Amino acid sequence: MKLWEGRFAAPTAKDADLFNDSLPFDKKLWKADITASVAHARMLGKCGIISADESALICGGLEKIYEDIENGTLEIQGAEDIHSFVENELVSRIGDAGKKLHTARSRNDQVATDFRLYVRSSTDTVIESLSNLIEVLLNNAEYGVKYIMPGYTHLRKAQPICLGHFFNAYAEMFLRDADRFYSSRKRLNVMPLGSGALAGTSYPIDRDMVATLLDFDKPCDNSLDGVSDRDFVAEYCFNASMAMSHLSRLCEDIILYSTEEFGYFEISDEYSTGSSIMPQKKNPDIPELMRGKTGRIYGHLMAILTTLKGIPLAYNKDLQEDKEGFFDCENQLLSCINIMAELLDNITFNTNKMKKAAESDFACATDVADYLAKKGVPFRTAHGVTGKIVRWCIENGRTLQNMTIDEYQTFDEHFDIDICETVKGKTCAEARTSFGGASPKSVKENIRSIKKRLSKYKE
């Protein structure tokens, strides 16, 4: 039975029903719908809008429905949406008292409340998953404190860095993602219930009581905004998009660094796939697929923004389009975060190859220029001298590490025997002791800082 069919002389056409019904996807809101309905019924009884006995009967019926859905004895079907299903099931179980549940509320404020409850719970889950991923990154950072690798700009070797610095960089990104979800949770934790269809209600309801029962910070201040606001959905999708952007960048680095050409990382067999024709192949399909899913999440963000941009106040059926994209966004985001944590927990490193690469291709050239600058040579002059040294090495098949002190001094008299130690990759990385730098000392400080900031999400 439809909750609104009394107004109509003929039933809805079957194709219109199929087009309009949302139960196939909004049934995911069943826990939130029943939870919010119990709080609403308790308030109705306390305020004398319905009798205490009716309130107790309704709450008992709802709790039994919750139990039956949870244990699988009640299948969600045969209604246009989850709200109709729950109310129809309640009436079938307790009779006319169940028809009083909808007193002083509308499906408009009901669905807005249910969805906020669901998104709030999902937000908590995402923060927990991000926290777990950050902890895995920190474990790898702690392992990598004693090893060096090349740092890149323009995908060309730039300067040697501590391996831990690489993982801390991604930990910082995902920490920002956790913070975005954390701050948006505060904005979404406002309760629409009591807004009615759009204008509030003439019943003497207690919105603060319901907000407290449902752990909302407060009721919404404006009923028009309460039933039509979906900022929290767009914010979630934006937060998810940023997190997927960071995951995609990490995937790209993993894919590159695990190639034969780089060979720094080794993805475990458990998180790799093979080729149907080439027996030797070990493909990084998991990070590749994750990188591909990023565009899918971006699409959900664009979809909700486009849906919201032209809706007049207050509720309109367009807002039914807020859920399918969200549910897919949630599912893809959480699966990507969780599988990345597992992949990184099982990844291994070729530290010797990373060390060798960190000293090749003149990655230590900046330190040669800095060496001269510290001896009093203007940096721009030192830069030019170092450029000439690099060009000479290229022309003569030499490296900064195998040049002799005599050869260095032909370019500038300020060079001394300690230049030979300065151009070692490990020395270059260890020299970056500035705050936030790539030295083992700075990396350890960064790890402590990240752990401290992460702790508020682990409480």
Protein backbone atom coordinates (compact mmCIF):
# COMPACT_ATOMS: atom_id res chain seq x y z
CA MET A 1 0.00 0.00 0.00
CA LYS A 2 1.24 3.47 -0.90
CA LEU A 3 1.17 6.02 1.89
CA TRP A 4 -0.42 8.65 -0.35
CA GLU A 5 -2.86 6.70 -2.55
CA GLY A 6 -6.08 8.05 -0.97
CA ARG A 7 -5.97 11.12 -3.25
CA PHE A 8 -5.94 9.05 -6.45
CA ALA A 9 -8.82 7.36 -8.28
CA ALA A 10 -6.60 5.05 -10.34
CA PRO A 11 -3.44 3.10 -9.48
CA THR A 12 -0.08 4.23 -10.77
CA ALA A 13 0.94 2.70 -14.10
CA LYS A 14 3.39 -0.17 -13.78
CA ASP A 15 6.14 1.58 -15.74
CA ALA A 16 5.63 4.71 -13.63
CA ASP A 17 5.96 2.59 -10.49
CA LEU A 18 9.20 1.09 -11.73
CA PHE A 19 10.56 4.51 -12.65
CA ASN A 20 9.53 6.12 -9.37
CA ASP A 21 10.27 3.41 -6.80
CA SER A 22 13.48 3.66 -4.81
CA LEU A 23 13.28 0.54 -2.63
CA PRO A 24 15.90 -1.40 -4.66
CA PHE A 25 18.57 1.03 -3.43
CA ASP A 26 17.19 2.97 -0.45
CA LYS A 27 16.57 -0.24 1.46
CA LYS A 28 20.14 0.27 2.66
CA LEU A 29 18.64 2.94 4.95
CA TRP A 30 16.54 0.44 6.90
CA LYS A 31 18.56 0.67 10.11
CA ALA A 32 18.53 4.46 10.06
CA ASP A 33 14.81 4.56 9.23
CA ILE A 34 13.80 2.29 12.09
CA THR A 35 16.16 3.99 14.54
CA ALA A 36 14.80 7.43 13.69
CA SER A 37 11.21 6.16 13.81
CA VAL A 38 11.70 4.75 17.31
CA ALA A 39 13.04 8.10 18.51
CA HIS A 40 10.12 9.90 16.87
CA ALA A 41 7.56 7.54 18.47
CA ARG A 42 9.11 7.99 21.90
CA MET A 43 8.88 11.74 21.53
CA LEU A 44 5.25 11.55 20.40
CA GLY A 45 4.42 9.58 23.54
CA LYS A 46 6.33 11.87 25.87
CA CYS A 47 4.66 14.97 24.42
CA GLY A 48 1.19 13.42 24.71
CA ILE A 49 0.60 13.53 20.96
CA ILE A 50 -0.10 9.82 21.11
CA SER A 51 -0.67 7.76 24.26
CA ALA A 52 2.18 6.18 26.19
CA ASP A 53 0.75 2.73 25.41
CA GLU A 54 0.61 3.49 21.69
CA SER A 55 4.17 4.79 21.79
CA ALA A 56 5.39 1.65 23.54
CA LEU A 57 3.48 -0.58 21.11
CA ILE A 58 4.94 1.23 18.11
CA CYS A 59 8.50 1.11 19.50
CA GLY A 60 8.18 -2.57 20.31
CA GLY A 61 6.89 -3.32 16.82
CA LEU A 62 9.71 -1.36 15.18
CA GLU A 63 12.34 -3.07 17.29
CA LYS A 64 10.98 -6.47 16.29
CA ILE A 65 11.04 -5.47 12.61
CA TYR A 66 14.68 -4.38 13.06
CA GLU A 67 15.50 -7.73 14.63
CA ASP A 68 13.76 -9.71 11.87
CA ILE A 69 15.49 -7.81 9.06
CA GLU A 70 18.85 -8.18 10.78
CA ASN A 71 18.55 -11.94 11.27
CA GLY A 72 17.24 -12.46 7.74
CA THR A 73 13.70 -13.64 8.55
CA LEU A 74 12.11 -10.54 7.00
CA GLU A 75 12.87 -9.62 3.40
CA ILE A 76 12.60 -5.99 2.33
CA GLN A 77 10.27 -5.97 -0.68
CA GLY A 78 6.84 -4.96 -1.95
CA ALA A 79 6.88 -1.19 -1.30
CA GLU A 80 7.91 1.95 -3.17
CA ASP A 81 10.59 2.91 -0.65
CA ILE A 82 12.06 1.79 2.66
CA HIS A 83 9.89 4.21 4.64
CA SER A 84 6.69 2.75 3.18
CA PHE A 85 7.95 -0.76 3.76
CA VAL A 86 8.65 -0.19 7.44
CA GLU A 87 5.36 1.60 8.10
CA ASN A 88 3.30 -0.97 6.18
CA GLU A 89 5.03 -3.82 8.03
CA LEU A 90 4.41 -2.08 11.35
CA VAL A 91 0.69 -1.64 10.63
CA SER A 92 0.38 -5.26 9.56
CA ARG A 93 1.85 -6.32 12.91
CA ILE A 94 0.28 -3.96 15.45
CA GLY A 95 -2.78 -2.63 13.64
CA ASP A 96 -4.11 0.95 13.63
CA ALA A 97 -1.65 2.12 16.28
CA GLY A 98 1.05 1.78 13.62
CA LYS A 99 -0.74 4.37 11.49
CA LYS A 100 -0.01 6.97 14.17
CA LEU A 101 3.76 6.69 13.73
CA HIS A 102 3.73 9.23 10.90
CA THR A 103 2.03 11.88 13.02
CA ALA A 104 3.96 15.19 12.96
CA ARG A 105 6.42 14.14 10.29
CA SER A 106 6.69 13.87 6.50
CA ARG A 107 8.64 11.55 4.29
CA ASN A 108 10.60 14.67 3.36
CA ASP A 109 12.08 15.24 6.81
CA GLN A 110 12.10 11.49 7.43
CA VAL A 111 14.34 10.63 4.48
CA ALA A 112 16.57 13.65 5.11
CA THR A 113 17.11 12.42 8.66
CA ASP A 114 17.61 8.78 7.69
CA PHE A 115 20.17 9.71 5.06
CA ARG A 116 22.11 11.93 7.46
CA LEU A 117 22.24 9.07 9.96
CA TYR A 118 23.55 6.76 7.25
CA VAL A 119 26.13 9.24 5.93
CA ARG A 120 27.29 9.97 9.48
CA SER A 121 27.89 6.28 10.11
CA SER A 122 29.64 5.90 6.77
CA THR A 123 31.84 8.90 7.56
CA ASP A 124 32.93 7.25 10.80
CA THR A 125 33.79 4.09 8.89
CA VAL A 126 35.83 5.99 6.30
CA ILE A 127 37.79 7.82 9.01
CA GLU A 128 38.56 4.48 10.66
CA SER A 129 39.72 2.98 7.34
CA LEU A 130 41.85 6.02 6.54
CA SER A 131 43.40 5.80 10.01
CA ASN A 132 44.31 2.16 9.41
CA LEU A 133 45.85 3.03 6.04
CA ILE A 134 47.89 5.82 7.62
CA GLU A 135 49.18 3.41 10.25
CA VAL A 136 50.38 1.03 7.53
CA LEU A 137 52.10 3.92 5.77
CA LEU A 138 53.78 4.89 9.04
CA ASN A 139 54.97 1.31 9.54
CA ASN A 140 56.61 1.46 6.11
CA ALA A 141 58.01 4.90 6.92
CA GLU A 142 59.60 3.59 10.11
CA TYR A 143 61.09 0.68 8.19
CA GLY A 144 62.36 3.06 5.51
CA VAL A 145 64.13 5.50 7.84
CA LYS A 146 67.48 3.77 7.30
CA TYR A 147 67.21 3.47 3.51
CA ILE A 148 67.51 6.01 0.70
CA MET A 149 65.83 6.29 -2.67
CA PRO A 150 65.75 8.87 -5.46
CA GLY A 151 63.27 11.70 -5.16
CA TYR A 152 61.80 12.90 -8.44
CA THR A 153 60.54 16.06 -10.08
CA HIS A 154 59.17 15.95 -13.64
CA LEU A 155 59.64 12.17 -13.27
CA ARG A 156 63.40 12.77 -13.44
CA LYS A 157 65.80 12.04 -10.61
CA ALA A 158 66.14 15.12 -8.45
CA GLN A 159 67.68 14.47 -5.03
CA PRO A 160 68.23 11.49 -2.72
CA ILE A 161 65.59 11.15 -0.01
CA CYS A 162 64.94 8.83 2.89
CA LEU A 163 62.49 6.07 1.89
CA GLY A 164 60.44 6.92 4.96
CA HIS A 165 59.96 10.43 3.61
CA PHE A 166 58.09 8.97 0.63
CA PHE A 167 55.59 7.14 2.83
CA ASN A 168 55.19 10.08 5.20
CA ALA A 169 54.17 12.24 2.23
CA TYR A 170 51.22 9.97 1.54
CA ALA A 171 50.42 9.68 5.25
CA GLU A 172 50.10 13.49 5.30
CA MET A 173 47.72 13.38 2.31
CA PHE A 174 45.46 10.78 3.87
CA LEU A 175 45.58 12.59 7.19
CA ARG A 176 44.13 15.64 5.42
CA ASP A 177 41.45 13.37 3.97
CA ALA A 178 40.56 12.09 7.42
CA ASP A 179 40.39 15.67 8.65
CA ARG A 180 38.05 16.64 5.81
CA PHE A 181 35.67 13.81 6.69
CA TYR A 182 35.97 14.68 10.38
CA SER A 183 35.08 18.34 9.85
CA SER A 184 32.25 17.62 7.42
CA ARG A 185 30.77 15.23 9.98
CA LYS A 186 30.22 18.18 12.30
CA ARG A 187 28.28 20.04 9.61
CA LEU A 188 26.09 17.06 8.70
CA ASN A 189 25.23 16.25 12.32
CA VAL A 190 22.14 18.49 12.34
CA MET A 191 18.69 16.89 12.50
CA PRO A 192 15.98 17.66 9.90
CA LEU A 193 13.25 15.63 11.64
CA GLY A 194 10.48 17.96 12.77
CA SER A 195 10.71 20.07 9.62
CA GLY A 196 7.66 18.27 8.25
CA ALA A 197 7.10 18.49 4.53
CA LEU A 198 8.68 21.96 4.44
CA ALA A 199 7.07 24.24 7.03
CA GLY A 200 7.40 22.46 10.36
CA THR A 201 4.34 21.16 12.23
CA SER A 202 1.47 22.41 14.37
CA TYR A 203 1.94 19.56 16.87
CA PRO A 204 3.74 20.38 20.15
CA ILE A 205 6.78 18.24 19.34
CA ASP A 206 10.12 18.22 21.17
CA ARG A 207 12.81 18.31 18.49
CA ASP A 208 15.62 18.59 21.01
CA MET A 209 14.57 15.31 22.59
CA VAL A 210 14.71 13.50 19.25
CA ALA A 211 18.05 15.10 18.39
CA THR A 212 19.47 13.86 21.68
CA LEU A 213 18.10 10.35 21.18
CA LEU A 214 19.72 10.21 17.72
CA ASP A 215 23.02 11.82 18.80
CA PHE A 216 22.57 14.88 16.62
CA ASP A 217 24.16 18.08 17.86
CA LYS A 218 20.93 20.02 17.35
CA PRO A 219 17.80 20.25 15.18
CA CYS A 220 18.13 22.23 11.95
CA ASP A 221 17.23 25.90 12.27
CA ASN A 222 15.16 26.25 9.09
CA SER A 223 12.57 23.73 7.94
CA LEU A 224 12.85 24.66 4.24
CA ASP A 225 16.58 24.08 4.33
CA GLY A 226 16.21 21.01 6.55
CA VAL A 227 14.27 18.95 4.02
CA SER A 228 16.17 20.09 0.92
CA ASP A 229 19.79 20.32 2.10
CA ARG A 230 22.09 17.72 0.54
CA ASP A 231 25.35 19.60 1.03
CA PHE A 232 26.51 16.73 3.20
CA VAL A 233 26.22 14.31 0.26
CA ALA A 234 28.22 16.61 -2.02
CA GLU A 235 30.82 17.13 0.71
CA TYR A 236 31.19 13.38 1.22
CA CYS A 237 31.63 12.87 -2.53
CA PHE A 238 34.19 15.69 -2.66
CA ASN A 239 36.09 14.24 0.30
CA ALA A 240 35.97 10.85 -1.39
CA SER A 241 37.24 12.39 -4.63
CA MET A 242 40.23 13.94 -2.87
CA ALA A 243 41.01 10.67 -1.11
CA MET A 244 40.77 8.81 -4.42
CA SER A 245 43.06 11.40 -6.01
CA HIS A 246 45.67 10.62 -3.35
CA LEU A 247 45.13 6.88 -3.76
CA SER A 248 45.52 7.24 -7.51
CA ARG A 249 48.82 9.09 -7.12
CA LEU A 250 50.05 6.40 -4.75
CA CYS A 251 48.95 3.74 -7.24
CA GLU A 252 50.90 5.47 -10.00
CA ASP A 253 54.07 5.51 -7.89
CA ILE A 254 53.62 1.85 -6.94
CA ILE A 255 53.05 0.88 -10.57
CA LEU A 256 56.15 2.79 -11.71
CA TYR A 257 58.43 1.71 -8.90
CA SER A 258 57.49 -1.95 -9.31
CA THR A 259 58.40 -2.05 -13.02
CA GLU A 260 61.55 -3.85 -14.15
CA GLU A 261 62.91 -0.45 -15.21
CA PHE A 262 62.72 0.90 -11.64
CA GLY A 263 62.56 -2.23 -9.53
CA TYR A 264 62.34 -0.43 -6.18
CA PHE A 265 59.11 -2.06 -4.97
CA GLU A 266 57.79 -5.59 -5.26
CA ILE A 267 54.02 -6.11 -5.06
CA SER A 268 53.24 -9.44 -3.41
CA ASP A 269 51.79 -12.25 -5.49
CA GLU A 270 48.57 -12.03 -3.45
CA TYR A 271 47.93 -8.56 -4.89
CA SER A 272 49.15 -9.15 -8.44
CA THR A 273 47.72 -10.87 -11.51
CA GLY A 274 49.16 -12.58 -14.58
CA SER A 275 48.67 -12.63 -18.33
CA SER A 276 46.55 -15.08 -20.29
CA ILE A 277 49.21 -15.28 -23.01
CA MET A 278 52.55 -14.13 -21.54
CA PRO A 279 53.65 -16.54 -18.79
CA GLN A 280 56.30 -14.22 -17.38
CA LYS A 281 53.97 -11.32 -16.61
CA LYS A 282 53.20 -10.09 -13.10
CA ASN A 283 50.74 -7.25 -13.52
CA PRO A 284 49.80 -4.50 -11.02
CA ASP A 285 46.09 -4.85 -11.76
CA ILE A 286 44.97 -3.86 -8.25
CA PRO A 287 46.55 -0.38 -8.28
CA GLU A 288 45.66 0.04 -11.95
CA LEU A 289 41.99 -0.69 -11.27
CA MET A 290 42.05 1.60 -8.25
CA ARG A 291 43.51 4.36 -10.40
CA GLY A 292 40.69 3.78 -12.89
CA LYS A 293 37.97 3.91 -10.24
CA THR A 294 39.04 7.46 -9.36
CA GLY A 295 37.20 8.83 -12.39
CA ARG A 296 34.09 6.94 -11.31
CA ILE A 297 34.12 8.72 -7.94
CA TYR A 298 34.69 12.08 -9.62
CA GLY A 299 31.61 11.34 -11.73
CA HIS A 300 29.44 10.88 -8.63
CA LEU A 301 30.60 14.26 -7.32
CA MET A 302 29.70 15.95 -10.59
CA ALA A 303 26.33 14.17 -10.63
CA ILE A 304 25.22 15.36 -7.19
CA LEU A 305 26.42 18.92 -7.86
CA THR A 306 24.48 18.96 -11.12
CA THR A 307 21.37 17.55 -9.44
CA LEU A 308 21.44 20.22 -6.73
CA LYS A 309 22.20 23.25 -8.86
CA GLY A 310 18.69 23.99 -10.12
CA ILE A 311 16.32 22.68 -7.47
CA PRO A 312 13.84 25.27 -6.11
CA LEU A 313 12.88 25.16 -2.43
CA ALA A 314 11.93 22.91 -0.86
CA TYR A 315 11.87 19.16 -1.50
CA ASN A 316 11.73 17.90 -5.10
CA LYS A 317 11.85 14.36 -6.46
CA ASP A 318 15.23 15.14 -8.05
CA LEU A 319 16.66 14.51 -4.59
CA GLN A 320 15.96 10.80 -4.95
CA GLU A 321 19.05 10.88 -7.19
CA ASP A 322 21.23 11.63 -4.17
CA LYS A 323 21.51 8.00 -3.07
CA GLU A 324 22.57 5.58 -5.81
CA GLY A 325 25.69 7.57 -6.65
CA PHE A 326 26.46 8.01 -2.96
CA PHE A 327 26.14 4.31 -2.19
CA ASP A 328 28.49 3.43 -5.05
CA CYS A 329 30.89 6.18 -4.00
CA GLU A 330 30.94 4.81 -0.46
CA ASN A 331 31.44 1.23 -1.58
CA GLN A 332 34.24 2.00 -4.03
CA LEU A 333 36.05 4.36 -1.66
CA LEU A 334 36.08 1.95 1.27
CA SER A 335 37.13 -1.02 -0.85
CA CYS A 336 39.99 1.00 -2.35
CA ILE A 337 41.24 2.30 1.01
CA ASN A 338 41.09 -1.12 2.64
CA ILE A 339 42.76 -3.04 -0.17
CA MET A 340 45.52 -0.42 -0.45
CA ALA A 341 46.27 -0.91 3.24
CA GLU A 342 46.61 -4.66 2.67
CA LEU A 343 48.72 -4.22 -0.46
CA LEU A 344 51.14 -1.89 1.35
CA ASP A 345 51.27 -4.16 4.35
CA ASN A 346 52.63 -6.90 2.07
CA ILE A 347 54.89 -4.86 -0.24
CA THR A 348 58.67 -5.38 -0.22
CA PHE A 349 61.58 -3.15 -1.23
CA ASN A 350 64.80 -3.57 -3.18
CA THR A 351 66.82 -1.22 -0.98
CA ASN A 352 70.11 -1.86 -2.77
CA LYS A 353 68.63 -0.90 -6.11
CA MET A 354 67.10 2.24 -4.58
CA LYS A 355 70.45 3.23 -3.06
CA LYS A 356 72.29 2.74 -6.34
CA ALA A 357 69.64 4.74 -8.19
CA ALA A 358 69.81 7.54 -5.61
CA GLU A 359 73.48 8.14 -6.47
CA SER A 360 73.17 7.83 -10.24
CA ASP A 361 72.25 10.39 -12.88
CA PHE A 362 73.72 13.26 -10.85
CA ALA A 363 71.00 13.24 -8.20
CA CYS A 364 73.55 14.69 -5.78
CA ALA A 365 74.40 17.70 -7.97
CA THR A 366 72.51 20.14 -5.75
CA ASP A 367 74.79 19.17 -2.88
CA VAL A 368 77.83 20.07 -4.98
CA ALA A 369 76.42 23.55 -5.54
CA ASP A 370 75.49 23.84 -1.85
CA TYR A 371 79.02 22.73 -0.92
CA LEU A 372 80.50 25.66 -2.83
CA ALA A 373 77.88 28.09 -1.49
CA LYS A 374 78.78 27.12 2.06
CA LYS A 375 82.41 27.92 1.18
CA GLY A 376 81.39 31.48 0.28
CA VAL A 377 80.77 31.10 -3.44
CA PRO A 378 77.54 32.88 -4.50
CA PHE A 379 74.93 30.20 -5.08
CA ARG A 380 74.19 31.24 -8.65
CA THR A 381 77.92 30.98 -9.45
CA ALA A 382 78.10 27.64 -7.66
CA HIS A 383 75.10 26.45 -9.68
CA GLY A 384 76.91 27.31 -12.92
CA VAL A 385 80.12 25.56 -11.83
CA THR A 386 78.18 22.43 -10.91
CA GLY A 387 76.41 22.46 -14.26
CA LYS A 388 79.79 22.46 -16.00
CA ILE A 389 80.92 19.53 -13.83
CA VAL A 390 77.81 17.55 -14.80
CA ARG A 391 78.37 18.29 -18.48
CA TRP A 392 82.03 17.19 -18.19
CA CYS A 393 81.01 13.97 -16.47
CA ILE A 394 78.48 13.18 -19.20
CA GLU A 395 81.03 13.82 -21.93
CA ASN A 396 83.67 11.70 -20.21
CA GLY A 397 81.54 8.88 -18.85
CA ARG A 398 82.17 9.82 -15.23
CA THR A 399 79.99 10.32 -12.14
CA LEU A 400 80.13 12.75 -9.25
CA GLN A 401 81.10 9.85 -7.01
CA ASN A 402 84.15 8.67 -9.02
CA MET A 403 85.66 12.07 -9.76
CA THR A 404 88.99 12.74 -8.04
CA ILE A 405 89.66 15.75 -5.86
CA ASP A 406 92.10 17.02 -8.48
CA GLU A 407 89.36 16.89 -11.11
CA TYR A 408 86.96 18.78 -8.86
CA GLN A 409 89.60 21.48 -8.20
CA THR A 410 90.03 22.12 -11.94
CA PHE A 411 86.51 23.57 -11.80
CA ASP A 412 86.85 25.54 -8.55
CA GLU A 413 89.59 25.93 -5.98
CA HIS A 414 87.16 25.78 -3.07
CA PHE A 415 86.72 22.01 -3.44
CA ASP A 416 88.48 19.91 -0.80
CA ILE A 417 88.71 16.20 -0.06
CA ASP A 418 85.40 16.22 1.85
CA ILE A 419 83.52 16.73 -1.44
CA CYS A 420 83.98 13.00 -2.06
CA GLU A 421 81.89 12.23 1.03
CA THR A 422 79.40 14.99 0.30
CA VAL A 423 78.28 13.45 -3.00
CA LYS A 424 77.35 10.07 -1.51
CA GLY A 425 73.60 9.45 -1.66
CA LYS A 426 73.31 8.62 2.04
CA THR A 427 75.17 11.82 2.98
CA CYS A 428 72.92 13.91 0.74
CA ALA A 429 69.76 12.48 2.29
CA GLU A 430 71.08 12.82 5.83
CA ALA A 431 71.95 16.49 5.19
CA ARG A 432 68.27 17.45 4.69
CA THR A 433 67.69 18.12 8.39
CA SER A 434 65.44 21.17 7.97
CA PHE A 435 61.95 20.89 9.44
CA GLY A 436 59.90 18.66 7.15
CA GLY A 437 63.01 17.54 5.26
CA ALA A 438 64.05 14.15 3.92
CA SER A 439 66.75 13.21 6.43
CA PRO A 440 66.24 10.24 8.78
CA LYS A 441 66.15 12.69 11.69
CA SER A 442 63.45 14.84 10.08
CA VAL A 443 61.51 11.78 8.96
CA LYS A 444 61.41 10.45 12.53
CA GLU A 445 60.11 13.82 13.71
CA ASN A 446 57.48 13.73 10.97
CA ILE A 447 56.37 10.23 12.00
CA ARG A 448 55.91 11.38 15.60
CA SER A 449 53.93 14.39 14.41
CA ILE A 450 51.64 12.29 12.20
CA LYS A 451 51.01 9.81 15.01
CA LYS A 452 50.08 12.63 17.34
CA ARG A 453 47.65 14.18 14.85
CA LEU A 454 46.24 10.78 13.99
CA SER A 455 45.48 9.96 17.60
CA LYS A 456 42.30 12.05 17.71
CA TYR A 457 40.76 9.78 15.06
CA LYS A 458 41.68 6.65 17.00
CA GLU A 459 39.83 7.61 20.19
